Protein backbone atom coordinates (compact mmCIF):
# COMPACT_ATOMS: atom_id res chain seq x y z
CA MET A 1 0.00 0.00 0.00
CA THR A 2 1.35 3.37 -1.02
CA ALA A 3 0.35 6.96 -0.38
CA GLU A 4 -0.34 7.93 -4.01
CA ALA A 5 -3.42 10.07 -4.53
CA VAL A 6 -6.41 9.43 -6.72
CA THR A 7 -6.33 11.86 -9.65
CA ALA A 8 -9.44 10.89 -11.65
CA ARG A 9 -12.96 9.62 -11.16
CA PRO A 10 -13.18 6.27 -12.94
CA SER A 11 -16.18 5.50 -15.12
CA ILE A 12 -18.01 2.58 -13.49
CA VAL A 13 -20.77 0.18 -14.39
CA LEU A 14 -21.95 -1.58 -11.23
CA ASP A 15 -23.35 -5.08 -11.69
CA CYS A 16 -25.11 -5.87 -8.42
CA ASP A 17 -27.84 -7.69 -6.49
CA PRO A 18 -29.05 -5.17 -3.87
CA GLY A 19 -28.70 -6.23 -0.96
CA LEU A 20 -27.74 -4.13 2.01
CA ASP A 21 -24.10 -3.59 1.11
CA ASP A 22 -24.90 -3.25 -2.60
CA ALA A 23 -27.02 -0.19 -1.83
CA ILE A 24 -24.12 1.38 0.06
CA ALA A 25 -21.87 0.46 -2.87
CA ILE A 26 -24.17 2.39 -5.21
CA LEU A 27 -23.76 5.51 -3.06
CA THR A 28 -19.99 4.97 -2.90
CA ALA A 29 -19.62 4.48 -6.65
CA ALA A 30 -21.66 7.59 -7.41
CA HIS A 31 -19.61 9.72 -5.03
CA PHE A 32 -16.10 8.65 -6.00
CA GLY A 33 -16.67 7.59 -9.61
CA GLU A 34 -18.73 8.41 -12.66
CA LEU A 35 -21.53 5.86 -12.30
CA VAL A 36 -22.48 5.17 -15.90
CA GLY A 37 -25.10 2.54 -15.18
CA ILE A 38 -26.33 -0.20 -12.88
CA THR A 39 -27.14 -3.75 -13.94
CA THR A 40 -29.01 -6.13 -11.68
CA VAL A 41 -28.86 -9.87 -11.18
CA ASN A 42 -30.50 -12.57 -9.12
CA GLY A 43 -28.50 -13.10 -5.95
CA ASN A 44 -29.14 -11.82 -2.46
CA VAL A 45 -32.83 -11.88 -3.43
CA GLY A 46 -34.64 -12.40 -6.73
CA VAL A 47 -33.97 -10.08 -9.64
CA GLU A 48 -37.36 -8.35 -9.36
CA HIS A 49 -36.38 -7.30 -5.84
CA THR A 50 -32.76 -6.44 -6.70
CA THR A 51 -33.94 -4.29 -9.61
CA HIS A 52 -36.54 -2.52 -7.50
CA ASN A 53 -33.92 -1.95 -4.80
CA ALA A 54 -31.42 -0.48 -7.25
CA LEU A 55 -34.05 1.92 -8.59
CA ALA A 56 -35.14 2.88 -5.07
CA THR A 57 -31.57 3.46 -3.89
CA ALA A 58 -30.82 5.69 -6.86
CA GLN A 59 -34.03 7.63 -6.24
CA ILE A 60 -33.36 8.13 -2.52
CA ALA A 61 -29.87 9.38 -3.35
CA GLY A 62 -31.06 11.65 -6.16
CA LEU A 63 -28.99 9.83 -8.76
CA ASP A 64 -29.79 10.05 -12.46
CA VAL A 65 -28.40 6.67 -13.46
CA PRO A 66 -29.99 4.03 -15.71
CA VAL A 67 -30.80 0.63 -14.24
CA HIS A 68 -30.88 -2.44 -16.50
CA ARG A 69 -32.47 -5.69 -15.34
CA GLY A 70 -30.34 -8.78 -15.80
CA ALA A 71 -30.39 -12.53 -15.26
CA ASP A 72 -33.15 -13.98 -13.12
CA ARG A 73 -31.45 -17.32 -12.49
CA PRO A 74 -27.98 -18.90 -12.46
CA LEU A 75 -26.65 -20.58 -15.60
CA ILE A 76 -27.04 -24.11 -14.21
CA ALA A 77 -27.15 -24.08 -10.41
CA PRO A 78 -30.45 -23.98 -8.51
CA THR A 79 -31.66 -20.51 -7.62
CA THR A 80 -30.74 -19.48 -4.09
CA ASP A 81 -30.68 -16.30 -2.03
CA ALA A 82 -29.28 -14.62 1.07
CA ALA A 83 -32.58 -13.36 2.46
CA ARG A 84 -31.54 -14.58 5.90
CA ILE A 85 -28.97 -11.77 5.92
CA HIS A 86 -30.59 -9.11 3.74
CA GLY A 87 -34.27 -9.59 4.52
CA SER A 88 -36.99 -11.06 2.34
CA ALA A 89 -36.97 -8.10 -0.08
CA GLY A 90 -33.23 -7.43 0.16
CA LEU A 91 -33.00 -4.11 2.00
CA GLY A 92 -33.84 -5.21 5.51
CA ASP A 93 -36.75 -3.29 6.97
CA ALA A 94 -36.16 -0.10 4.95
CA ALA A 95 -39.23 1.86 3.88
CA LEU A 96 -38.78 2.45 0.16
CA PRO A 97 -40.44 5.22 -1.86
CA GLU A 98 -42.88 4.63 -4.67
CA LEU A 99 -40.69 4.45 -7.73
CA ALA A 100 -40.68 7.48 -10.01
CA ARG A 101 -38.95 5.71 -12.89
CA SER A 102 -38.63 2.24 -14.33
CA VAL A 103 -35.78 0.22 -15.74
CA ALA A 104 -33.96 1.49 -18.80
CA SER A 105 -34.05 -2.01 -20.30
CA ASP A 106 -34.50 -5.68 -19.53
CA ASP A 107 -31.21 -6.59 -21.23
CA ALA A 108 -28.31 -5.95 -18.89
CA VAL A 109 -26.02 -8.04 -21.07
CA ALA A 110 -26.56 -5.80 -24.10
CA PHE A 111 -25.94 -2.74 -21.94
CA LEU A 112 -22.65 -4.18 -20.67
CA CYS A 113 -21.46 -4.99 -24.18
CA ASP A 114 -22.60 -1.70 -25.71
CA THR A 115 -21.23 0.47 -22.91
CA SER A 116 -17.82 -1.19 -23.11
CA ARG A 117 -17.69 0.12 -26.69
CA SER A 118 -19.03 3.60 -26.08
CA VAL A 119 -17.24 4.57 -22.84
CA ASP A 120 -13.45 4.75 -22.84
CA GLY A 121 -11.69 3.68 -19.66
CA LEU A 122 -14.70 1.80 -18.32
CA HIS A 123 -14.43 -0.19 -15.09
CA LEU A 124 -16.91 -3.02 -14.64
CA VAL A 125 -17.41 -3.75 -10.95
CA ALA A 126 -19.44 -6.90 -10.31
CA VAL A 127 -20.55 -7.39 -6.72
CA GLY A 128 -23.14 -10.14 -7.11
CA PRO A 129 -23.21 -13.55 -8.78
CA LEU A 130 -21.38 -13.35 -12.10
CA THR A 131 -24.24 -14.50 -14.33
CA ASN A 132 -24.57 -11.25 -16.30
CA VAL A 133 -20.82 -10.98 -16.83
CA ALA A 134 -20.54 -14.58 -18.04
CA LEU A 135 -23.43 -14.10 -20.45
CA ALA A 136 -21.84 -10.89 -21.73
CA LEU A 137 -18.56 -12.69 -22.35
CA ARG A 138 -20.42 -15.42 -24.22
CA ARG A 139 -22.15 -12.81 -26.39
CA ASP A 140 -19.03 -10.69 -26.86
CA PRO A 141 -15.73 -12.51 -26.22
CA ASP A 142 -13.79 -9.26 -26.75
CA LEU A 143 -15.59 -7.50 -23.89
CA ARG A 144 -12.71 -7.80 -21.43
CA SER A 145 -10.20 -6.28 -23.85
CA ARG A 146 -12.22 -3.06 -24.00
CA LEU A 147 -12.47 -2.58 -20.24
CA ALA A 148 -9.99 -0.57 -18.22
CA GLY A 149 -10.63 -2.98 -15.36
CA LEU A 150 -12.84 -5.82 -14.18
CA THR A 151 -13.21 -6.00 -10.41
CA ILE A 152 -15.37 -8.52 -8.60
CA MET A 153 -16.48 -8.80 -5.02
CA GLY A 154 -16.37 -12.53 -4.64
CA GLY A 155 -14.32 -15.48 -3.63
CA GLY A 156 -11.58 -15.71 -1.10
CA ALA A 157 -8.28 -17.51 -0.94
CA HIS A 158 -8.52 -18.74 2.63
CA ALA A 159 -12.14 -19.30 3.64
CA GLY A 160 -15.75 -18.98 2.59
CA ASN A 161 -18.93 -17.72 4.18
CA VAL A 162 -21.76 -19.77 2.71
CA THR A 163 -19.64 -22.95 3.05
CA PRO A 164 -16.28 -23.44 4.76
CA VAL A 165 -14.50 -22.69 1.47
CA ALA A 166 -16.98 -20.89 -0.82
CA GLU A 167 -18.09 -17.26 -0.82
CA PHE A 168 -21.74 -16.58 -1.66
CA ASN A 169 -21.41 -14.70 -4.97
CA VAL A 170 -19.22 -17.39 -6.53
CA TRP A 171 -21.14 -20.27 -4.94
CA ALA A 172 -24.51 -18.91 -6.14
CA ASP A 173 -23.48 -19.34 -9.78
CA PRO A 174 -20.17 -21.19 -9.92
CA GLU A 175 -20.47 -22.03 -13.61
CA ALA A 176 -20.73 -18.33 -14.42
CA ALA A 177 -17.82 -17.54 -12.12
CA ALA A 178 -15.72 -20.25 -13.78
CA ILE A 179 -16.35 -18.66 -17.19
CA VAL A 180 -15.37 -15.22 -15.92
CA PHE A 181 -12.21 -16.38 -14.15
CA ARG A 182 -11.21 -18.43 -17.20
CA GLU A 183 -12.07 -15.98 -19.98
CA ALA A 184 -11.73 -12.49 -18.48
CA ALA A 185 -8.18 -12.45 -17.17
CA PRO A 186 -6.87 -10.46 -15.56
CA LEU A 187 -9.52 -9.47 -13.09
CA THR A 188 -9.22 -8.14 -9.56
CA MET A 189 -10.69 -10.38 -6.87
CA VAL A 190 -11.82 -8.39 -3.84
CA GLY A 191 -12.75 -11.35 -1.69
CA LEU A 192 -13.41 -12.22 1.90
CA ASP A 193 -9.69 -12.02 2.68
CA VAL A 194 -9.99 -8.23 2.65
CA THR A 195 -13.70 -7.47 3.01
CA HIS A 196 -13.88 -9.16 6.41
CA LYS A 197 -11.36 -6.55 7.59
CA VAL A 198 -13.53 -3.56 6.61
CA LEU A 199 -16.20 -3.57 9.32
CA LEU A 200 -18.78 -0.87 10.00
CA GLY A 201 -20.85 -0.78 13.16
CA GLY A 202 -22.79 1.45 15.50
CA SER A 203 -20.37 4.36 15.48
CA GLU A 204 -20.42 4.60 11.69
CA ALA A 205 -24.23 4.37 11.66
CA SER A 206 -24.33 7.22 14.18
CA ARG A 207 -22.06 9.33 11.99
CA MET A 208 -24.47 8.76 9.11
CA ARG A 209 -27.54 9.52 11.23
CA SER A 210 -26.03 12.79 12.42
CA VAL A 211 -26.22 14.25 8.91
CA GLY A 212 -29.97 13.82 8.61
CA THR A 213 -30.21 13.52 4.82
CA PRO A 214 -32.49 10.91 3.24
CA ALA A 215 -29.57 8.98 1.77
CA ALA A 216 -27.59 9.00 5.03
CA ASP A 217 -30.59 7.91 7.10
CA PHE A 218 -31.33 5.18 4.56
CA ALA A 219 -27.75 3.88 4.62
CA ALA A 220 -27.61 4.02 8.42
CA GLY A 221 -30.74 1.88 8.60
CA LEU A 222 -29.23 -0.67 6.25
CA LEU A 223 -26.05 -0.77 8.29
CA GLU A 224 -27.97 -1.20 11.55
CA TYR A 225 -29.96 -4.07 10.06
CA ALA A 226 -26.77 -5.71 8.78
CA TYR A 227 -25.11 -5.23 12.14
CA ASP A 228 -27.99 -6.99 13.90
CA ARG A 229 -27.77 -9.94 11.50
CA CYS A 230 -24.00 -10.16 11.89
CA ARG A 231 -24.29 -10.32 15.67
CA GLU A 232 -26.05 -13.66 15.20
CA PHE A 233 -22.78 -14.93 13.74
CA GLY A 234 -20.63 -13.52 16.52
CA LEU A 235 -19.41 -10.46 14.61
CA GLU A 236 -19.19 -7.12 16.38
CA ALA A 237 -19.65 -5.10 13.18
CA ALA A 238 -20.79 -5.66 9.60
CA PRO A 239 -18.48 -6.23 6.65
CA VAL A 240 -19.47 -3.92 3.81
CA HIS A 241 -18.18 -6.18 1.07
CA ASP A 242 -19.45 -4.40 -2.02
CA ALA A 243 -18.53 -0.85 -1.08
CA THR A 244 -15.03 -2.14 -0.30
CA ALA A 245 -14.77 -3.36 -3.89
CA ILE A 246 -15.70 0.12 -5.13
CA ILE A 247 -13.00 1.74 -2.99
CA ALA A 248 -10.49 -0.78 -4.37
CA VAL A 249 -11.19 0.76 -7.79
CA THR A 250 -11.36 4.42 -6.80
CA HIS A 251 -8.56 4.38 -4.19
CA PRO A 252 -6.33 1.44 -5.19
CA HIS A 253 -3.39 2.71 -3.15
CA LEU A 254 -5.19 1.71 0.06
CA PHE A 255 -5.01 -2.00 -0.78
CA ARG A 256 -2.35 -4.72 -0.85
CA ARG A 257 -2.60 -7.16 -3.71
CA SER A 258 -0.60 -9.75 -5.61
CA THR A 259 -1.08 -11.91 -8.69
CA HIS A 260 -1.91 -15.63 -8.54
CA PRO A 261 -3.58 -18.33 -10.63
CA VAL A 262 -7.21 -18.74 -9.56
CA ALA A 263 -9.75 -21.36 -10.64
CA VAL A 264 -13.35 -21.98 -9.58
CA GLU A 265 -14.08 -25.49 -8.32
CA LEU A 266 -17.24 -26.95 -9.85
CA HIS A 267 -17.30 -30.61 -8.88
CA GLY A 268 -16.06 -31.09 -5.32
CA GLU A 269 -18.56 -32.56 -2.90
CA HIS A 270 -17.40 -30.17 -0.19
CA THR A 271 -15.67 -27.51 -2.29
CA ARG A 272 -18.07 -26.46 -5.07
CA GLY A 273 -17.79 -22.70 -5.56
CA MET A 274 -14.33 -22.44 -4.00
CA THR A 275 -11.90 -20.00 -5.61
CA VAL A 276 -8.78 -22.16 -5.63
CA THR A 277 -5.91 -19.69 -5.33
CA ASP A 278 -2.36 -20.90 -5.92
CA VAL A 279 -0.14 -18.87 -3.61
CA ARG A 280 2.97 -20.98 -4.11
CA PRO A 281 6.04 -19.14 -5.41
CA ARG A 282 5.75 -18.72 -9.17
CA ALA A 283 9.05 -20.50 -9.73
CA ALA A 284 7.63 -23.60 -8.05
CA ILE A 285 4.73 -23.82 -10.50
CA ALA A 286 6.33 -22.44 -13.66
CA ALA A 287 6.44 -25.84 -15.35
CA GLU A 288 2.87 -26.80 -14.42
CA PRO A 289 -0.25 -26.02 -16.41
CA SER A 290 -2.19 -23.47 -14.41
CA PRO A 291 -5.39 -21.43 -14.64
CA PRO A 292 -5.23 -17.75 -15.61
CA ALA A 293 -3.60 -15.40 -13.14
CA HIS A 294 -5.62 -12.69 -11.42
CA GLU A 295 -4.97 -9.88 -8.99
CA VAL A 296 -5.95 -11.01 -5.49
CA VAL A 297 -6.59 -8.33 -2.88
CA TRP A 298 -5.41 -9.37 0.57
CA ASP A 299 -5.44 -6.38 2.87
CA ALA A 300 -6.41 -2.74 3.17
CA ASP A 301 -5.96 0.34 5.27
CA ALA A 302 -9.30 -0.52 6.84
CA GLY A 303 -9.70 2.72 8.76
CA ALA A 304 -9.19 4.81 5.65
CA VAL A 305 -11.58 2.65 3.63
CA ILE A 306 -14.26 2.93 6.33
CA ASP A 307 -13.88 6.71 6.45
CA LEU A 308 -14.26 6.93 2.68
CA ILE A 309 -17.43 4.83 2.68
CA VAL A 310 -18.92 7.01 5.42
CA GLU A 311 -17.85 10.13 3.50
CA ALA A 312 -19.63 8.86 0.40
CA VAL A 313 -22.83 8.26 2.35
CA VAL A 314 -22.93 11.53 4.27
CA SER A 315 -22.05 13.57 1.17
CA THR A 316 -24.90 12.18 -0.93
């Protein structure tokens, strides 16, 4: 991690499944980047909910950003969700406004492909299951070459959350994740190794509440709901996975990362959805066939990242 400053606001398309932390990621991306569009996917809850939640979050924050509905099911895996964490509709017990606008399209994949051609220097940040991204790569194999960066919140080299070794976003559609890790190298994996170090709790919610704006009150409520759920798992604060991935794009100097081969396990009885990360010295594996290498994020200046996320919320 270095002290270099951020000199530009990156253009971002956020592929997401709102979700408590996804909503905070939307606010973070809009504050520190140029949020070109939002695409939604089935994940934390069904795509009808995630799409509604993306539209509602943008409306609460006063954002003029198009929302495109995406995949309503994984490529092959059974449909699942994380409603136990995020609530049955995805945003806890938040009271959402009546929507003033509807989706820009029902074809997130076309939007991803088209926007990669029309916007120079585009960063695609995917913080849900990778179904939309995999489908976009299938439709347009040159997609990755036109992006300035592809960052995912998903995976983890050391442990999982939905199983002992698998993180939810990868596990929810491992076939899609396998396509992305195989065909979209290099990507940046912002996984549980780092996101479990960026924890927001009661003090951050209070800082948000003190501002009194609709967006800050909304985000504080989401954080308080997440904090209550996390206490059931013995955590004293809530990891804000998806907003951390945004900060990794907008403030990369705050993160420590290194490059390693990564593959998604599809067949293991106990390991399906695992991101198998080869951390052996490169010289030791030089003669072996290996999966594509990706940038793995390990650590962050957690205090600085937390302050930036709070800044994004209270400034909206």
